[in-house]
């Protein structure tokens, strides 16, 4: 980009060196300082003009790409997008659930009283909710991971089959969550 700018103004610089402001022929030593200052001003002005036009183009592009509707509750995501978001959310949930599981495991291994306290906590309503939530996150993450593996093999990549597979995974997840809730409670 800058090379093109220099090549564009090179004829002006050569003419400036060959002639003085009155148009007469001048030696290089007579007008060297003035010519260098003139060249510096021209290059700076050209660069500023190009930078300004580049910024204007970028602003126009950014303005065109901005969303028109910023009310997030009115946006409807396709099932494949919901499936992808849920896969990420359940991965994060599993990370935090793993912290609770490791903590409970560590406490239960300290002594018989520690084991009894973890067992009492897991038999309470909070422990059951945590267990159901962990099993739910695990089941969806496994189903979503299997779906992604099948898609990596080249299947379910079309719009219709991708949305159908996402719907099936979500329905299976709900069924498995209900089954886990019944089994744990």
N, C-alpha and C. Protein backbone atom coordinates (compact mmCIF):
# COMPACT_ATOMS: atom_id res chain seq x y z
N UNK A 1 0.83 -1.18 0.00
CA UNK A 1 0.00 0.00 0.00
C UNK A 1 0.88 1.25 0.00
N UNK A 2 1.88 1.33 0.86
CA UNK A 2 2.73 2.50 0.93
C UNK A 2 3.64 2.61 -0.28
N UNK A 3 4.06 1.48 -0.84
CA UNK A 3 4.89 1.50 -2.03
C UNK A 3 4.12 2.13 -3.19
N UNK A 4 2.84 1.80 -3.30
CA UNK A 4 2.02 2.38 -4.35
C UNK A 4 1.90 3.90 -4.16
N UNK A 5 1.79 4.35 -2.91
CA UNK A 5 1.71 5.78 -2.64
C UNK A 5 2.99 6.48 -3.08
N UNK A 6 4.12 5.88 -2.75
CA UNK A 6 5.40 6.49 -3.11
C UNK A 6 5.55 6.53 -4.63
N UNK A 7 5.16 5.45 -5.30
CA UNK A 7 5.25 5.42 -6.76
C UNK A 7 4.32 6.44 -7.40
N UNK A 8 3.18 6.70 -6.77
CA UNK A 8 2.25 7.69 -7.30
C UNK A 8 2.81 9.11 -7.23
N UNK A 9 3.55 9.42 -6.18
CA UNK A 9 4.05 10.79 -6.04
C UNK A 9 5.49 10.94 -6.51
N UNK A 10 6.13 9.87 -6.96
CA UNK A 10 7.51 9.93 -7.43
C UNK A 10 7.68 10.90 -8.60
N UNK A 11 6.79 10.91 -9.60
CA UNK A 11 6.96 11.91 -10.68
C UNK A 11 6.92 13.35 -10.18
N UNK A 12 6.08 13.61 -9.18
CA UNK A 12 6.04 14.97 -8.62
C UNK A 12 7.36 15.33 -7.96
N UNK A 13 7.95 14.38 -7.27
CA UNK A 13 9.22 14.63 -6.60
C UNK A 13 10.32 14.89 -7.63
N UNK A 14 10.34 14.09 -8.69
CA UNK A 14 11.37 14.28 -9.71
C UNK A 14 11.23 15.64 -10.38
N UNK A 15 10.00 16.04 -10.71
CA UNK A 15 9.79 17.37 -11.30
C UNK A 15 10.22 18.47 -10.35
N UNK A 16 9.96 18.29 -9.06
CA UNK A 16 10.31 19.30 -8.07
C UNK A 16 11.83 19.45 -7.99
N UNK A 17 12.53 18.34 -8.05
CA UNK A 17 13.99 18.40 -7.98
C UNK A 17 14.56 19.05 -9.22
N UNK A 18 13.95 18.82 -10.37
CA UNK A 18 14.49 19.34 -11.62
C UNK A 18 14.20 20.81 -11.83
N UNK A 19 13.14 21.32 -11.20
CA UNK A 19 12.80 22.74 -11.40
C UNK A 19 12.61 23.42 -10.07
N UNK A 20 12.83 24.71 -10.05
CA UNK A 20 12.56 25.48 -8.84
C UNK A 20 11.13 25.99 -8.90
N UNK A 21 10.64 26.70 -7.89
CA UNK A 21 9.23 27.15 -7.88
C UNK A 21 8.86 28.04 -9.06
N UNK A 22 9.84 28.73 -9.63
CA UNK A 22 9.52 29.61 -10.77
C UNK A 22 9.47 28.84 -12.07
N UNK A 23 9.87 27.56 -12.05
CA UNK A 23 9.82 26.75 -13.26
C UNK A 23 11.16 26.65 -13.95
N UNK A 24 12.18 27.35 -13.44
CA UNK A 24 13.50 27.31 -14.05
C UNK A 24 14.26 26.09 -13.55
N UNK A 25 15.20 25.69 -14.33
CA UNK A 25 16.04 24.56 -13.96
C UNK A 25 16.90 24.95 -12.78
N UNK A 26 17.02 24.02 -11.80
CA UNK A 26 17.80 24.32 -10.60
C UNK A 26 18.70 23.14 -10.29
N UNK A 27 19.80 23.44 -9.63
CA UNK A 27 20.69 22.35 -9.26
C UNK A 27 20.17 21.69 -7.99
N UNK A 28 20.62 20.48 -7.75
CA UNK A 28 20.18 19.73 -6.58
C UNK A 28 20.61 20.42 -5.30
N UNK A 29 21.76 21.01 -5.28
CA UNK A 29 22.25 21.63 -4.05
C UNK A 29 21.45 22.88 -3.70
N UNK A 30 20.94 23.61 -4.72
CA UNK A 30 20.18 24.83 -4.45
C UNK A 30 18.85 24.56 -3.76
N UNK A 31 18.18 23.51 -4.17
CA UNK A 31 16.82 23.31 -3.66
C UNK A 31 16.67 22.03 -2.84
N UNK A 32 17.77 21.48 -2.38
CA UNK A 32 17.71 20.20 -1.67
C UNK A 32 16.85 20.28 -0.41
N UNK A 33 17.07 21.27 0.42
CA UNK A 33 16.33 21.39 1.68
C UNK A 33 14.86 21.63 1.41
N UNK A 34 14.55 22.55 0.51
CA UNK A 34 13.15 22.84 0.18
C UNK A 34 12.46 21.62 -0.42
N UNK A 35 13.17 20.90 -1.26
CA UNK A 35 12.59 19.72 -1.90
C UNK A 35 12.31 18.63 -0.88
N UNK A 36 13.24 18.40 0.03
CA UNK A 36 13.03 17.39 1.05
C UNK A 36 11.85 17.74 1.95
N UNK A 37 11.75 19.03 2.30
CA UNK A 37 10.60 19.44 3.11
C UNK A 37 9.30 19.29 2.33
N UNK A 38 9.34 19.65 1.05
CA UNK A 38 8.16 19.52 0.21
C UNK A 38 7.75 18.05 0.07
N UNK A 39 8.73 17.16 -0.13
CA UNK A 39 8.45 15.73 -0.24
C UNK A 39 7.85 15.18 1.04
N UNK A 40 8.41 15.61 2.16
CA UNK A 40 7.90 15.14 3.45
C UNK A 40 6.45 15.57 3.64
N UNK A 41 6.14 16.83 3.26
CA UNK A 41 4.76 17.30 3.38
C UNK A 41 3.82 16.53 2.46
N UNK A 42 4.24 16.26 1.23
CA UNK A 42 3.41 15.53 0.28
C UNK A 42 3.15 14.11 0.77
N UNK A 43 4.21 13.44 1.21
CA UNK A 43 4.05 12.05 1.69
C UNK A 43 3.15 12.01 2.92
N UNK A 44 3.34 12.96 3.83
CA UNK A 44 2.50 13.01 5.03
C UNK A 44 1.04 13.26 4.66
N UNK A 45 0.80 14.19 3.74
CA UNK A 45 -0.57 14.50 3.32
C UNK A 45 -1.19 13.29 2.63
N UNK A 46 -0.44 12.63 1.75
CA UNK A 46 -0.96 11.46 1.04
C UNK A 46 -1.30 10.35 2.04
N UNK A 47 -0.39 10.12 2.99
CA UNK A 47 -0.61 9.06 3.99
C UNK A 47 -1.84 9.38 4.84
N UNK A 48 -1.97 10.65 5.26
CA UNK A 48 -3.13 11.04 6.06
C UNK A 48 -4.43 10.86 5.28
N UNK A 49 -4.41 11.23 3.99
CA UNK A 49 -5.61 11.06 3.16
C UNK A 49 -5.99 9.60 3.03
N UNK A 50 -4.99 8.75 2.79
CA UNK A 50 -5.26 7.32 2.63
C UNK A 50 -5.73 6.71 3.94
N UNK A 51 -5.09 7.09 5.06
CA UNK A 51 -5.52 6.56 6.36
C UNK A 51 -6.94 7.00 6.67
N UNK A 52 -7.28 8.26 6.34
CA UNK A 52 -8.62 8.75 6.61
C UNK A 52 -9.64 8.00 5.75
N UNK A 53 -9.33 7.78 4.48
CA UNK A 53 -10.27 7.07 3.62
C UNK A 53 -10.40 5.61 4.07
N UNK A 54 -9.30 5.01 4.54
CA UNK A 54 -9.34 3.64 5.05
C UNK A 54 -10.22 3.56 6.29
N UNK A 55 -10.08 4.54 7.21
CA UNK A 55 -10.91 4.56 8.41
C UNK A 55 -12.39 4.75 8.04
N UNK A 56 -12.66 5.59 7.06
CA UNK A 56 -14.03 5.81 6.63
C UNK A 56 -14.62 4.53 6.06
N UNK A 57 -13.84 3.81 5.23
CA UNK A 57 -14.31 2.54 4.68
C UNK A 57 -14.58 1.53 5.79
N UNK A 58 -13.67 1.46 6.78
CA UNK A 58 -13.87 0.53 7.89
C UNK A 58 -15.12 0.89 8.67
N UNK A 59 -15.34 2.17 8.93
CA UNK A 59 -16.53 2.59 9.68
C UNK A 59 -17.79 2.22 8.91
N UNK A 60 -17.76 2.39 7.57
CA UNK A 60 -18.92 2.04 6.76
C UNK A 60 -19.18 0.54 6.82
N UNK A 61 -18.11 -0.27 6.74
CA UNK A 61 -18.27 -1.71 6.80
C UNK A 61 -18.82 -2.13 8.16
N UNK A 62 -18.26 -1.59 9.23
CA UNK A 62 -18.72 -1.94 10.58
C UNK A 62 -20.17 -1.52 10.76
N UNK A 63 -20.52 -0.34 10.25
CA UNK A 63 -21.90 0.13 10.40
C UNK A 63 -22.87 -0.79 9.67
N UNK A 64 -22.48 -1.30 8.50
CA UNK A 64 -23.35 -2.19 7.75
C UNK A 64 -23.49 -3.55 8.43
N UNK A 65 -22.46 -3.99 9.18
CA UNK A 65 -22.49 -5.31 9.78
C UNK A 65 -23.17 -5.33 11.14
N UNK A 66 -23.52 -4.21 11.67
CA UNK A 66 -24.14 -4.18 13.00
C UNK A 66 -25.55 -4.76 12.94
N UNK A 67 -25.94 -5.45 14.01
CA UNK A 67 -27.30 -6.03 14.00
C UNK A 67 -28.36 -4.95 14.12
N UNK A 68 -29.46 -5.19 13.47
CA UNK A 68 -30.56 -4.24 13.50
C UNK A 68 -31.39 -4.45 14.76
N UNK A 69 -31.61 -5.69 15.15
CA UNK A 69 -32.44 -6.02 16.29
C UNK A 69 -31.56 -6.40 17.47
N UNK A 70 -31.57 -5.59 18.51
CA UNK A 70 -30.74 -5.87 19.68
C UNK A 70 -31.53 -6.47 20.83
N UNK A 71 -32.80 -6.77 20.64
CA UNK A 71 -33.60 -7.40 21.68
C UNK A 71 -33.36 -8.91 21.61
N UNK A 72 -32.55 -9.42 22.53
CA UNK A 72 -32.14 -10.81 22.47
C UNK A 72 -33.28 -11.79 22.69
N UNK A 73 -34.32 -11.36 23.40
CA UNK A 73 -35.43 -12.27 23.65
C UNK A 73 -36.31 -12.47 22.42
N UNK A 74 -36.13 -11.67 21.38
CA UNK A 74 -36.92 -11.85 20.16
C UNK A 74 -36.17 -12.66 19.10
N UNK A 75 -34.90 -12.95 19.32
CA UNK A 75 -34.11 -13.71 18.36
C UNK A 75 -34.37 -15.20 18.58
N UNK A 76 -34.68 -15.92 17.53
CA UNK A 76 -34.90 -17.36 17.66
C UNK A 76 -33.72 -18.08 17.02
N UNK A 77 -33.04 -18.88 17.82
CA UNK A 77 -31.90 -19.64 17.34
C UNK A 77 -32.37 -20.94 16.72
N UNK A 78 -31.68 -21.42 15.70
CA UNK A 78 -32.02 -22.73 15.15
C UNK A 78 -31.61 -23.83 16.14
N UNK A 79 -32.20 -25.02 16.01
CA UNK A 79 -31.88 -26.10 16.96
C UNK A 79 -30.40 -26.45 17.00
N UNK A 80 -29.71 -26.36 15.87
CA UNK A 80 -28.28 -26.69 15.88
C UNK A 80 -27.48 -25.69 16.71
N UNK A 81 -27.88 -24.42 16.71
CA UNK A 81 -27.20 -23.42 17.53
C UNK A 81 -27.48 -23.65 19.01
N UNK A 82 -28.71 -23.98 19.33
CA UNK A 82 -29.06 -24.28 20.72
C UNK A 82 -28.28 -25.49 21.21
N UNK A 83 -28.17 -26.50 20.35
CA UNK A 83 -27.42 -27.70 20.71
C UNK A 83 -25.95 -27.38 20.97
N UNK A 84 -25.37 -26.56 20.13
CA UNK A 84 -23.96 -26.19 20.30
C UNK A 84 -23.75 -25.39 21.58
N UNK A 85 -24.64 -24.46 21.85
CA UNK A 85 -24.53 -23.65 23.08
C UNK A 85 -24.70 -24.54 24.31
N UNK A 86 -25.67 -25.45 24.28
CA UNK A 86 -25.88 -26.35 25.41
C UNK A 86 -24.67 -27.25 25.63
N UNK A 87 -24.02 -27.67 24.57
CA UNK A 87 -22.83 -28.51 24.71
C UNK A 87 -21.74 -27.76 25.46
N UNK A 88 -21.57 -26.50 25.14
CA UNK A 88 -20.55 -25.69 25.82
C UNK A 88 -20.94 -25.42 27.28
N UNK A 89 -22.21 -25.10 27.50
CA UNK A 89 -22.68 -24.82 28.85
C UNK A 89 -22.54 -26.05 29.74
N UNK A 90 -22.90 -27.22 29.21
CA UNK A 90 -22.79 -28.43 30.03
C UNK A 90 -21.33 -28.79 30.28
N UNK A 91 -20.43 -28.44 29.37
CA UNK A 91 -19.00 -28.65 29.62
C UNK A 91 -18.51 -27.81 30.79
N UNK A 92 -18.94 -26.55 30.86
CA UNK A 92 -18.58 -25.69 31.99
C UNK A 92 -19.23 -26.19 33.27
N UNK A 93 -20.49 -26.62 33.19
CA UNK A 93 -21.18 -27.15 34.37
C UNK A 93 -20.48 -28.40 34.89
N UNK A 94 -20.01 -29.24 34.00
CA UNK A 94 -19.28 -30.44 34.42
C UNK A 94 -17.97 -30.08 35.11
N UNK A 95 -17.33 -29.02 34.67
CA UNK A 95 -16.10 -28.59 35.33
C UNK A 95 -16.38 -28.21 36.79
N UNK A 96 -17.43 -27.42 37.01
CA UNK A 96 -17.75 -27.01 38.38
C UNK A 96 -18.30 -28.19 39.19
N UNK A 97 -19.04 -29.08 38.55
CA UNK A 97 -19.53 -30.27 39.25
C UNK A 97 -18.36 -31.16 39.67
N UNK A 98 -17.34 -31.20 38.83
CA UNK A 98 -16.16 -32.00 39.17
C UNK A 98 -15.48 -31.48 40.43
N UNK A 99 -15.50 -30.19 40.63
CA UNK A 99 -14.94 -29.61 41.86
C UNK A 99 -15.71 -30.12 43.07
N UNK A 100 -17.06 -30.12 42.97
CA UNK A 100 -17.87 -30.63 44.08
C UNK A 100 -17.64 -32.12 44.31
N UNK A 101 -17.54 -32.87 43.23
CA UNK A 101 -17.35 -34.32 43.35
C UNK A 101 -15.99 -34.62 43.99
N UNK A 102 -14.96 -33.93 43.55
CA UNK A 102 -13.63 -34.17 44.13
C UNK A 102 -13.60 -33.75 45.60
N UNK A 103 -14.26 -32.64 45.93
CA UNK A 103 -14.34 -32.21 47.32
C UNK A 103 -15.05 -33.23 48.19
N UNK A 104 -16.19 -33.73 47.69
CA UNK A 104 -16.93 -34.75 48.45
C UNK A 104 -16.11 -36.03 48.59
N UNK A 105 -15.43 -36.40 47.54
CA UNK A 105 -14.58 -37.60 47.58
C UNK A 105 -13.45 -37.44 48.60
N UNK A 106 -12.82 -36.26 48.61
CA UNK A 106 -11.72 -36.02 49.55
C UNK A 106 -12.22 -36.06 51.00
N UNK A 107 -13.37 -35.46 51.25
CA UNK A 107 -13.92 -35.46 52.62
C UNK A 107 -14.31 -36.88 53.03
N UNK A 108 -14.88 -37.64 52.11
CA UNK A 108 -15.33 -38.99 52.46
C UNK A 108 -14.15 -39.92 52.75
N UNK A 109 -12.99 -39.63 52.23
CA UNK A 109 -11.83 -40.48 52.45
C UNK A 109 -11.05 -40.13 53.72
N UNK A 110 -11.38 -39.03 54.35
CA UNK A 110 -10.61 -38.62 55.54
C UNK A 110 -10.90 -39.52 56.73
N UNK A 111 -12.17 -39.87 56.95
CA UNK A 111 -12.52 -40.70 58.11
C UNK A 111 -13.93 -41.26 57.91
N UNK A 112 -14.34 -42.06 58.86
CA UNK A 112 -15.69 -42.63 58.81
C UNK A 112 -16.73 -41.53 59.01
N UNK A 113 -16.41 -40.55 59.88
CA UNK A 113 -17.33 -39.44 60.09
C UNK A 113 -17.46 -38.58 58.83
N UNK A 114 -16.35 -38.39 58.13
CA UNK A 114 -16.37 -37.63 56.87
C UNK A 114 -17.23 -38.33 55.83
N UNK A 115 -17.10 -39.64 55.76
CA UNK A 115 -17.92 -40.42 54.83
C UNK A 115 -19.40 -40.29 55.18
N UNK A 116 -19.70 -40.36 56.48
CA UNK A 116 -21.10 -40.25 56.91
C UNK A 116 -21.65 -38.86 56.61
N UNK A 117 -20.84 -37.81 56.77
CA UNK A 117 -21.33 -36.46 56.49
C UNK A 117 -21.58 -36.26 55.00
N UNK A 118 -20.72 -36.81 54.15
CA UNK A 118 -20.95 -36.71 52.70
C UNK A 118 -22.19 -37.51 52.31
N UNK A 119 -22.36 -38.67 52.94
CA UNK A 119 -23.53 -39.50 52.64
C UNK A 119 -24.81 -38.79 53.06
N UNK A 120 -24.80 -38.13 54.22
CA UNK A 120 -25.97 -37.37 54.67
C UNK A 120 -26.25 -36.19 53.73
N UNK A 121 -25.18 -35.52 53.31
CA UNK A 121 -25.36 -34.37 52.40
C UNK A 121 -25.94 -34.83 51.06
N UNK A 122 -25.47 -35.97 50.56
CA UNK A 122 -25.96 -36.46 49.27
C UNK A 122 -27.39 -36.99 49.37
N UNK A 123 -27.82 -37.41 50.55
CA UNK A 123 -29.19 -37.87 50.74
C UNK A 123 -30.16 -36.73 50.96
N UNK A 124 -29.65 -35.52 51.23
CA UNK A 124 -30.50 -34.33 51.41
C UNK A 124 -30.94 -33.80 50.04
N UNK A 125 -31.83 -32.82 50.08
CA UNK A 125 -32.36 -32.29 48.84
C UNK A 125 -31.29 -31.60 48.00
N UNK A 126 -30.34 -30.89 48.65
CA UNK A 126 -29.29 -30.20 47.91
C UNK A 126 -28.38 -31.21 47.19
N UNK A 127 -28.02 -32.26 47.88
CA UNK A 127 -27.18 -33.30 47.27
C UNK A 127 -27.87 -33.96 46.09
N UNK A 128 -29.19 -34.18 46.22
CA UNK A 128 -29.92 -34.80 45.12
C UNK A 128 -30.03 -33.87 43.91
N UNK A 129 -30.22 -32.58 44.17
CA UNK A 129 -30.27 -31.61 43.07
C UNK A 129 -28.92 -31.54 42.36
N UNK A 130 -27.84 -31.54 43.15
CA UNK A 130 -26.50 -31.52 42.56
C UNK A 130 -26.26 -32.80 41.74
N UNK A 131 -26.67 -33.93 42.27
CA UNK A 131 -26.48 -35.19 41.56
C UNK A 131 -27.29 -35.23 40.26
N UNK A 132 -28.53 -34.79 40.32
CA UNK A 132 -29.36 -34.77 39.11
C UNK A 132 -28.79 -33.78 38.09
N UNK A 133 -28.37 -32.63 38.55
CA UNK A 133 -27.76 -31.64 37.65
C UNK A 133 -26.49 -32.16 37.01
N UNK A 134 -25.65 -32.83 37.80
CA UNK A 134 -24.41 -33.39 37.26
C UNK A 134 -24.70 -34.48 36.24
N UNK A 135 -25.63 -35.37 36.56
CA UNK A 135 -25.99 -36.43 35.61
C UNK A 135 -26.62 -35.86 34.34
N UNK A 136 -27.42 -34.81 34.51
CA UNK A 136 -28.03 -34.16 33.36
C UNK A 136 -26.97 -33.53 32.46
N UNK A 137 -26.05 -32.80 33.06
CA UNK A 137 -24.98 -32.17 32.28
C UNK A 137 -24.11 -33.23 31.60
N UNK A 138 -23.81 -34.29 32.32
CA UNK A 138 -22.99 -35.36 31.76
C UNK A 138 -23.70 -36.05 30.59
N UNK A 139 -24.99 -36.32 30.75
CA UNK A 139 -25.71 -37.00 29.67
C UNK A 139 -25.79 -36.13 28.42
N UNK A 140 -26.07 -34.83 28.58
CA UNK A 140 -26.14 -33.97 27.40
C UNK A 140 -24.77 -33.81 26.76
N UNK A 141 -23.74 -33.66 27.58
CA UNK A 141 -22.41 -33.47 27.03
C UNK A 141 -21.96 -34.70 26.25
N UNK A 142 -22.28 -35.87 26.74
CA UNK A 142 -21.95 -37.10 26.00
C UNK A 142 -22.76 -37.18 24.71
N UNK A 143 -24.07 -36.92 24.77
CA UNK A 143 -24.89 -36.97 23.56
C UNK A 143 -24.44 -35.92 22.54
N UNK A 144 -24.17 -34.71 23.01
CA UNK A 144 -23.69 -33.67 22.10
C UNK A 144 -22.33 -34.00 21.52
N UNK A 145 -21.46 -34.60 22.33
CA UNK A 145 -20.15 -35.01 21.83
C UNK A 145 -20.27 -36.09 20.77
N UNK A 146 -21.18 -37.05 20.97
CA UNK A 146 -21.41 -38.09 19.97
C UNK A 146 -21.96 -37.48 18.67
N UNK A 147 -22.85 -36.52 18.82
CA UNK A 147 -23.40 -35.84 17.64
C UNK A 147 -22.29 -35.13 16.87
N UNK A 148 -21.40 -34.45 17.59
CA UNK A 148 -20.30 -33.76 16.93
C UNK A 148 -19.34 -34.75 16.26
N UNK A 149 -19.13 -35.90 16.89
CA UNK A 149 -18.26 -36.91 16.27
C UNK A 149 -18.86 -37.43 14.97
N UNK A 150 -20.18 -37.66 14.96
CA UNK A 150 -20.84 -38.11 13.73
C UNK A 150 -20.74 -37.02 12.66
N UNK A 151 -20.89 -35.76 13.06
CA UNK A 151 -20.78 -34.66 12.11
C UNK A 151 -19.34 -34.55 11.58
N UNK A 152 -18.35 -34.83 12.41
CA UNK A 152 -16.96 -34.81 11.96
C UNK A 152 -16.68 -35.90 10.94
N UNK A 153 -17.47 -36.97 10.97
CA UNK A 153 -17.32 -38.06 9.99
C UNK A 153 -18.04 -37.75 8.68
N UNK A 154 -18.70 -36.61 8.60
CA UNK A 154 -19.32 -36.18 7.35
C UNK A 154 -20.81 -36.39 7.27
N UNK A 155 -21.44 -36.80 8.35
CA UNK A 155 -22.90 -37.01 8.34
C UNK A 155 -23.57 -35.85 9.08
N UNK A 156 -24.84 -35.65 8.81
CA UNK A 156 -25.66 -34.63 9.47
C UNK A 156 -25.10 -33.22 9.30
N UNK A 157 -24.43 -32.97 8.19
CA UNK A 157 -23.86 -31.65 7.96
C UNK A 157 -24.80 -30.72 7.20
N UNK A 158 -25.82 -31.27 6.57
CA UNK A 158 -26.78 -30.43 5.86
C UNK A 158 -27.68 -29.74 6.88
N UNK A 159 -28.32 -28.69 6.44
CA UNK A 159 -29.15 -27.89 7.36
C UNK A 159 -30.27 -28.71 7.98
N UNK A 160 -31.02 -29.41 7.17
CA UNK A 160 -32.17 -30.16 7.68
C UNK A 160 -31.74 -31.29 8.60
N UNK A 161 -30.77 -32.10 8.18
CA UNK A 161 -30.34 -33.23 9.01
C UNK A 161 -29.62 -32.74 10.28
N UNK A 162 -28.91 -31.63 10.19
CA UNK A 162 -28.25 -31.08 11.38
C UNK A 162 -29.26 -30.60 12.41
N UNK A 163 -30.31 -29.92 11.95
CA UNK A 163 -31.36 -29.47 12.87
C UNK A 163 -32.14 -30.65 13.45
N UNK A 164 -32.39 -31.67 12.63
CA UNK A 164 -33.10 -32.85 13.11
C UNK A 164 -32.28 -33.58 14.17
N UNK A 165 -30.98 -33.75 13.92
CA UNK A 165 -30.14 -34.42 14.91
C UNK A 165 -30.06 -33.62 16.20
N UNK A 166 -30.05 -32.30 16.10
CA UNK A 166 -30.04 -31.47 17.31
C UNK A 166 -31.33 -31.64 18.11
N UNK A 167 -32.46 -31.68 17.42
CA UNK A 167 -33.74 -31.88 18.11
C UNK A 167 -33.78 -33.25 18.79
N UNK A 168 -33.29 -34.27 18.10
CA UNK A 168 -33.29 -35.62 18.67
C UNK A 168 -32.41 -35.67 19.92
N UNK A 169 -31.26 -35.04 19.87
CA UNK A 169 -30.34 -35.02 21.01
C UNK A 169 -30.98 -34.30 22.20
N UNK A 170 -31.65 -33.20 21.94
CA UNK A 170 -32.29 -32.45 23.03
C UNK A 170 -33.42 -33.26 23.66
N UNK A 171 -34.22 -33.95 22.84
CA UNK A 171 -35.30 -34.78 23.37
C UNK A 171 -34.73 -35.95 24.18
N UNK A 172 -33.69 -36.60 23.66
CA UNK A 172 -33.05 -37.69 24.42
C UNK A 172 -32.49 -37.18 25.75
N UNK A 173 -31.94 -35.99 25.75
CA UNK A 173 -31.39 -35.41 26.97
C UNK A 173 -32.48 -35.18 28.00
N UNK A 174 -33.62 -34.67 27.57
CA UNK A 174 -34.74 -34.44 28.50
C UNK A 174 -35.21 -35.77 29.09
N UNK A 175 -35.32 -36.78 28.24
CA UNK A 175 -35.76 -38.10 28.71
C UNK A 175 -34.75 -38.65 29.72
N UNK A 176 -33.46 -38.58 29.40
CA UNK A 176 -32.43 -39.09 30.32
C UNK A 176 -32.39 -38.29 31.63
N UNK A 177 -32.65 -37.00 31.58
CA UNK A 177 -32.68 -36.19 32.80
C UNK A 177 -33.84 -36.60 33.69
N UNK A 178 -35.02 -36.85 33.08
CA UNK A 178 -36.17 -37.30 33.86
C UNK A 178 -35.88 -38.66 34.49
N UNK A 179 -35.30 -39.57 33.71
CA UNK A 179 -34.96 -40.90 34.23
C UNK A 179 -33.95 -40.78 35.38
N UNK A 180 -32.93 -39.93 35.23
CA UNK A 180 -31.95 -39.73 36.30
C UNK A 180 -32.60 -39.12 37.54
N UNK A 181 -33.53 -38.17 37.32
CA UNK A 181 -34.22 -37.57 38.47
C UNK A 181 -35.05 -38.57 39.23
N UNK A 182 -35.75 -39.44 38.51
CA UNK A 182 -36.54 -40.47 39.17
C UNK A 182 -35.64 -41.47 39.91
N UNK A 183 -34.54 -41.83 39.30
CA UNK A 183 -33.62 -42.80 39.91
C UNK A 183 -32.94 -42.22 41.16
N UNK A 184 -32.57 -40.95 41.12
CA UNK A 184 -31.85 -40.36 42.26
C UNK A 184 -32.81 -40.00 43.38
N UNK A 185 -33.96 -39.47 43.06
CA UNK A 185 -34.88 -39.01 44.11
C UNK A 185 -35.54 -40.18 44.78
